[in-house]
Amino acid sequence: MAKKRFPYLLGHAEIAFLYGVERQTSQLWKTRGVLGEPDTVVSGNPYWLLPTVLGLSEDGSREVDAQRLKEYKAGIAGGYQVDDPAGLPEIVGLKEIPWIFGKKYMDVYQWRVRKSFATEDAVISGSPLWLLETVLADAQQRGRHTVQEGIDRVRAGEREQIKPRGRKPSAEPKAAPPPLPAARTFTPGEHTADDVAAFAAELLKAGFSMTVRPKR
């Protein structure tokens, strides 16, 4: 049986590890365009090829730690370098595997909990990943039914995509708040307490709050 191989892929955690920075820094590089769009997305998580990540050091502003690079490579069983995203094998995560079996996410999750599913081929940035061939071989061994339509979706390159973070923008723009009333000054001899009370009542009725600051 041929030894299983898995490509060197990196998420934000691995990129931060190689460059000796916080994970948030890698995410900031992505936001600022220093780190380009991911070479692949699996189960909504972005991943980059090793050559892409090493390319971040070309301008001399940052440097990969050689020992950490060695440790990273040692942590990928059967790891090998892919230079072009088109050369990646078919890789799936927990969001795509249910397509293959026509199951719900929790069904596959329970298989893993009960250890009745193939061990992941790699864990990148905390997320388990499998080669499609690993999943299909495990299904055949356990006699599990697979759905060809789901397999075809994976082989066609369809993957669960990254979901935008933050609040969903409202379909209707919010109405502009009403303008604040002009400030008024009340002085002894010129105004009475009733004048002040009337102005305060007007503000409260309109929904405004107020702060009273006495002045000499």
Protein backbone atom coordinates (compact mmCIF):
# COMPACT_ATOMS: atom_id res chain seq x y z
CA MET A 1 0.00 0.00 0.00
CA ALA A 2 1.41 3.40 -1.02
CA LYS A 3 2.30 5.77 1.79
CA LYS A 4 -0.28 8.52 2.19
CA ARG A 5 0.94 12.03 1.39
CA PHE A 6 -0.53 15.37 2.40
CA PRO A 7 0.43 18.79 1.00
CA TYR A 8 1.99 21.49 3.13
CA LEU A 9 -0.93 23.80 3.91
CA LEU A 10 -0.94 26.62 6.41
CA GLY A 11 -3.67 28.55 8.16
CA HIS A 12 -3.24 31.68 10.24
CA ALA A 13 -1.92 29.70 13.22
CA GLU A 14 0.89 28.11 11.21
CA ILE A 15 1.78 31.37 9.46
CA ALA A 16 2.04 33.12 12.81
CA PHE A 17 4.16 30.26 14.16
CA LEU A 18 6.65 30.42 11.28
CA TYR A 19 7.10 34.18 11.58
CA GLY A 20 7.04 34.30 15.36
CA VAL A 21 4.06 36.65 15.57
CA GLU A 22 0.58 36.54 17.06
CA ARG A 23 -2.19 34.84 15.09
CA GLN A 24 -3.99 38.19 14.92
CA THR A 25 -0.96 39.59 13.07
CA SER A 26 -1.34 37.00 10.31
CA GLN A 27 -5.03 37.87 10.08
CA LEU A 28 -4.09 41.55 9.88
CA TRP A 29 -1.67 40.78 7.02
CA LYS A 30 -4.61 39.23 5.20
CA THR A 31 -6.85 42.24 5.88
CA ARG A 32 -4.18 44.67 4.68
CA GLY A 33 -3.42 42.67 1.54
CA VAL A 34 0.11 41.68 2.60
CA LEU A 35 -1.10 38.08 2.56
CA GLY A 36 -3.11 37.43 -0.58
CA GLU A 37 -6.33 35.52 -1.00
CA PRO A 38 -6.16 31.92 0.26
CA ASP A 39 -4.92 29.25 -2.13
CA THR A 40 -7.81 27.05 -1.03
CA VAL A 41 -10.79 27.17 1.33
CA VAL A 42 -12.06 24.05 3.10
CA SER A 43 -15.04 24.00 5.46
CA GLY A 44 -15.03 27.78 5.56
CA ASN A 45 -11.38 28.04 6.63
CA PRO A 46 -8.64 29.69 4.51
CA TYR A 47 -5.37 27.91 3.74
CA TRP A 48 -2.22 28.91 1.90
CA LEU A 49 0.47 26.85 0.17
CA LEU A 50 3.93 26.84 1.72
CA PRO A 51 5.56 28.74 -1.21
CA THR A 52 2.92 31.45 -0.83
CA VAL A 53 3.68 31.83 2.87
CA LEU A 54 7.45 31.80 2.39
CA GLY A 55 6.98 34.53 -0.19
CA LEU A 56 6.01 36.94 2.60
CA SER A 57 9.69 37.16 3.54
CA GLU A 58 10.91 38.19 0.10
CA ASP A 59 10.79 41.93 0.79
CA GLY A 60 13.01 41.51 3.85
CA SER A 61 10.53 43.03 6.29
CA ARG A 62 9.83 39.69 7.96
CA GLU A 63 11.70 36.42 8.28
CA VAL A 64 10.71 32.78 8.70
CA ASP A 65 12.33 31.01 11.64
CA ALA A 66 14.26 28.07 10.12
CA GLN A 67 13.80 25.83 13.16
CA ARG A 68 10.07 26.50 13.27
CA LEU A 69 9.79 25.72 9.57
CA LYS A 70 11.49 22.40 10.23
CA GLU A 71 9.08 21.67 13.10
CA TYR A 72 6.08 22.56 10.97
CA LYS A 73 7.13 20.20 8.18
CA ALA A 74 7.77 17.40 10.67
CA GLY A 75 4.22 17.81 11.95
CA ILE A 76 2.65 16.98 8.55
CA ALA A 77 2.81 13.22 8.05
CA GLY A 78 3.86 12.47 4.47
CA GLY A 79 4.08 16.19 3.80
CA TYR A 80 5.12 17.50 0.41
CA GLN A 81 5.24 20.86 -1.32
CA VAL A 82 2.69 21.99 -3.89
CA ASP A 83 3.60 25.10 -5.87
CA ASP A 84 0.27 25.74 -7.59
CA PRO A 85 -3.27 25.46 -6.14
CA ALA A 86 -4.24 23.51 -9.25
CA GLY A 87 -1.92 20.76 -8.05
CA LEU A 88 -3.70 20.24 -4.75
CA PRO A 89 -5.43 16.91 -4.16
CA GLU A 90 -9.10 16.83 -3.18
CA ILE A 91 -9.26 17.82 0.49
CA VAL A 92 -12.37 17.96 2.65
CA GLY A 93 -13.30 19.03 6.15
CA LEU A 94 -16.20 18.49 8.51
CA LYS A 95 -18.51 20.73 6.46
CA GLU A 96 -18.03 18.82 3.18
CA ILE A 97 -17.98 15.24 4.48
CA PRO A 98 -21.77 15.22 5.15
CA TRP A 99 -22.28 15.84 1.40
CA ILE A 100 -20.43 12.60 0.67
CA PHE A 101 -22.74 10.55 2.87
CA GLY A 102 -25.98 12.50 2.52
CA LYS A 103 -25.87 13.10 6.27
CA LYS A 104 -26.11 16.02 8.65
CA TYR A 105 -23.06 17.63 10.21
CA MET A 106 -23.86 16.20 13.66
CA ASP A 107 -24.02 12.68 12.24
CA VAL A 108 -20.42 12.91 11.05
CA TYR A 109 -19.41 14.64 14.26
CA GLN A 110 -20.79 11.71 16.27
CA TRP A 111 -18.86 9.25 14.10
CA ARG A 112 -15.68 11.04 15.11
CA VAL A 113 -16.66 11.13 18.79
CA ARG A 114 -17.32 7.38 18.70
CA LYS A 115 -14.05 6.80 16.80
CA SER A 116 -15.96 5.16 13.96
CA PHE A 117 -14.50 7.38 11.27
CA ALA A 118 -11.12 7.69 9.62
CA THR A 119 -8.48 9.67 11.52
CA GLU A 120 -7.85 13.03 9.91
CA ASP A 121 -4.87 13.27 7.57
CA ALA A 122 -3.83 16.61 9.06
CA VAL A 123 -4.95 19.25 11.53
CA ILE A 124 -4.30 22.76 10.24
CA SER A 125 -5.02 25.76 12.47
CA GLY A 126 -7.06 23.50 14.73
CA SER A 127 -9.31 22.13 11.98
CA PRO A 128 -9.21 18.46 10.87
CA LEU A 129 -8.70 17.79 7.17
CA TRP A 130 -8.97 14.62 5.12
CA LEU A 131 -8.01 13.59 1.62
CA LEU A 132 -11.13 12.60 -0.29
CA GLU A 133 -9.52 9.24 -1.00
CA THR A 134 -9.13 8.65 2.75
CA VAL A 135 -12.84 9.27 3.35
CA LEU A 136 -13.93 7.05 0.47
CA ALA A 137 -11.60 4.22 1.47
CA ASP A 138 -12.90 4.37 5.05
CA ALA A 139 -16.50 4.32 3.81
CA GLN A 140 -15.83 1.24 1.71
CA GLN A 141 -14.14 -0.53 4.61
CA ARG A 142 -17.05 0.18 6.97
CA GLY A 143 -19.71 -0.50 4.37
CA ARG A 144 -21.13 3.01 4.56
CA HIS A 145 -23.29 4.24 1.70
CA THR A 146 -21.97 7.27 -0.17
CA VAL A 147 -23.84 9.75 -2.34
CA GLN A 148 -22.36 10.24 -5.79
CA GLU A 149 -23.81 13.74 -6.08
CA GLY A 150 -21.89 14.79 -2.96
CA ILE A 151 -18.68 13.22 -4.23
CA ASP A 152 -19.13 15.02 -7.54
CA ARG A 153 -19.53 18.35 -5.71
CA VAL A 154 -16.20 17.81 -3.97
CA ARG A 155 -14.44 16.71 -7.14
CA ALA A 156 -15.84 19.75 -8.95
CA GLY A 157 -14.04 21.95 -6.43
CA GLU A 158 -17.08 23.03 -4.43
CA ARG A 159 -16.33 23.79 -0.79
CA GLU A 160 -18.02 25.48 2.13
CA GLN A 161 -16.85 29.07 1.79
CA ILE A 162 -15.69 31.63 4.33
CA LYS A 163 -18.60 33.34 6.03
CA PRO A 164 -18.26 37.11 6.46
CA ARG A 165 -17.64 38.19 10.02
CA GLY A 166 -19.46 40.94 11.85
CA ARG A 167 -23.06 42.02 11.75
CA LYS A 168 -25.12 41.52 8.65
CA PRO A 169 -25.79 44.89 7.05
CA SER A 170 -29.39 46.06 7.30
CA ALA A 171 -31.44 45.92 4.11
CA GLU A 172 -32.83 49.38 4.84
CA PRO A 173 -30.64 52.33 5.86
CA LYS A 174 -31.26 53.77 9.30
CA ALA A 175 -33.07 57.08 9.43
CA ALA A 176 -30.89 60.06 10.30
CA PRO A 177 -31.38 61.20 13.91
CA PRO A 178 -33.22 64.50 14.39
CA PRO A 179 -31.00 67.56 14.86
CA LEU A 180 -30.28 68.69 18.39
CA PRO A 181 -32.19 71.78 19.54
CA ALA A 182 -30.18 74.96 19.87
CA ALA A 183 -28.65 75.52 23.30
CA ARG A 184 -30.30 78.09 25.57
CA THR A 185 -28.92 80.01 28.52
CA PHE A 186 -31.15 80.95 31.45
CA THR A 187 -29.98 83.75 33.72
CA PRO A 188 -31.41 85.07 37.01
CA GLY A 189 -33.53 88.16 36.57
CA GLU A 190 -34.21 87.40 32.90
CA HIS A 191 -35.81 83.96 33.24
CA THR A 192 -37.84 82.09 35.78
CA ALA A 193 -37.79 78.51 36.98
CA ASP A 194 -40.90 77.96 34.86
CA ASP A 195 -38.94 78.95 31.75
CA VAL A 196 -36.29 76.34 32.57
CA ALA A 197 -38.90 73.69 33.33
CA ALA A 198 -40.75 74.36 30.07
CA PHE A 199 -37.57 73.99 28.01
CA ALA A 200 -36.62 70.79 29.86
CA ALA A 201 -40.10 69.36 29.31
CA GLU A 202 -39.82 70.14 25.59
CA LEU A 203 -36.51 68.26 25.33
CA LEU A 204 -37.75 65.22 27.23
CA LYS A 205 -40.90 65.01 25.16
CA ALA A 206 -38.78 64.98 21.97
CA GLY A 207 -36.73 62.06 23.33
CA PHE A 208 -33.56 64.00 24.14
CA SER A 209 -31.52 63.61 27.30
CA MET A 210 -29.82 66.55 28.95
CA THR A 211 -27.13 67.52 31.41
CA VAL A 212 -27.52 70.59 33.62
CA ARG A 213 -24.24 72.44 34.29
CA PRO A 214 -24.68 75.50 36.53
CA LYS A 215 -22.48 78.55 35.72
CA ARG A 216 -21.72 81.67 37.72
